[in-house]
Amino acid sequence: MQTTPDRFRCTEHDQDLTELVHEELELQIPATFRPKKPKEFRVIVTCLGSGATTEHSVACTGTVAS
């Protein structure tokens, strides 16, 4: 799966959310239905922050193609 941007981060906690974004995209757009031309997406993932009390949702946007 190719996404633009290729990395997604929580700016508040400097956490890499790329794997979570790709997992959510897999659920929303299975590989067999992924467009050859870039398609815009918006997913919401959970950043665990630096501890259990700082967990919060982060919206990530970009484009995806197969």
Protein backbone atom coordinates (compact mmCIF):
# COMPACT_ATOMS: atom_id res chain seq x y z
CA MET A 1 0.00 0.00 0.00
CA GLN A 2 1.34 3.40 -0.95
CA THR A 3 0.23 6.41 1.06
CA THR A 4 1.06 10.07 0.82
CA PRO A 5 2.43 11.12 3.19
CA ASP A 6 4.38 7.89 3.76
CA ARG A 7 4.57 8.44 7.56
CA PHE A 8 1.96 9.59 10.08
CA ARG A 9 2.87 10.99 13.51
CA CYS A 10 1.15 12.31 16.59
CA THR A 11 2.74 15.73 16.91
CA GLU A 12 1.74 16.01 20.55
CA HIS A 13 3.63 12.86 21.65
CA ASP A 14 5.99 12.35 18.67
CA GLN A 15 4.58 8.84 18.20
CA ASP A 16 4.69 7.04 14.84
CA LEU A 17 1.09 6.18 13.88
CA THR A 18 1.87 4.83 10.40
CA GLU A 19 1.15 1.18 11.24
CA LEU A 20 -2.17 2.11 12.85
CA VAL A 21 -3.17 4.19 9.82
CA HIS A 22 -2.30 1.33 7.44
CA GLU A 23 -4.29 -1.15 9.60
CA GLU A 24 -7.33 1.12 9.52
CA LEU A 25 -7.02 1.57 5.75
CA GLU A 26 -6.85 -2.23 5.32
CA LEU A 27 -10.18 -2.47 7.14
CA GLN A 28 -11.78 0.33 5.13
CA ILE A 29 -10.29 -0.38 1.70
CA PRO A 30 -9.28 -4.05 1.20
CA ALA A 31 -6.37 -4.60 -1.22
CA THR A 32 -8.63 -5.94 -3.97
CA PHE A 33 -10.60 -2.67 -3.99
CA ARG A 34 -7.69 -0.26 -3.64
CA PRO A 35 -7.55 2.22 -6.53
CA LYS A 36 -4.60 2.35 -8.91
CA LYS A 37 -4.85 6.15 -8.96
CA PRO A 38 -4.43 7.94 -5.62
CA LYS A 39 -7.65 8.31 -3.62
CA GLU A 40 -8.07 10.67 -0.67
CA PHE A 41 -8.73 9.18 2.76
CA ARG A 42 -9.33 10.25 6.34
CA VAL A 43 -8.99 7.80 9.22
CA ILE A 44 -9.05 8.24 12.97
CA VAL A 45 -6.58 6.24 15.05
CA THR A 46 -5.73 6.18 18.75
CA CYS A 47 -2.41 7.53 19.98
CA LEU A 48 -1.46 5.90 23.27
CA GLY A 49 0.65 8.89 24.20
CA SER A 50 3.20 8.49 26.95
CA GLY A 51 0.87 6.60 29.29
CA ALA A 52 -2.67 5.31 29.71
CA THR A 53 -4.02 8.70 30.79
CA THR A 54 -2.89 10.53 27.64
CA GLU A 55 -4.66 8.28 25.09
CA HIS A 56 -6.44 10.34 22.45
CA SER A 57 -7.79 10.18 18.90
CA VAL A 58 -5.82 11.54 15.96
CA ALA A 59 -7.31 12.17 12.51
CA CYS A 60 -4.93 11.36 9.65
CA THR A 61 -5.52 12.33 6.03
CA GLY A 62 -3.72 11.68 2.79
CA THR A 63 -3.98 9.63 -0.37
CA VAL A 64 -3.76 5.88 -0.92
CA ALA A 65 -3.06 3.75 -4.01
CA SER A 66 -2.29 0.10 -4.62
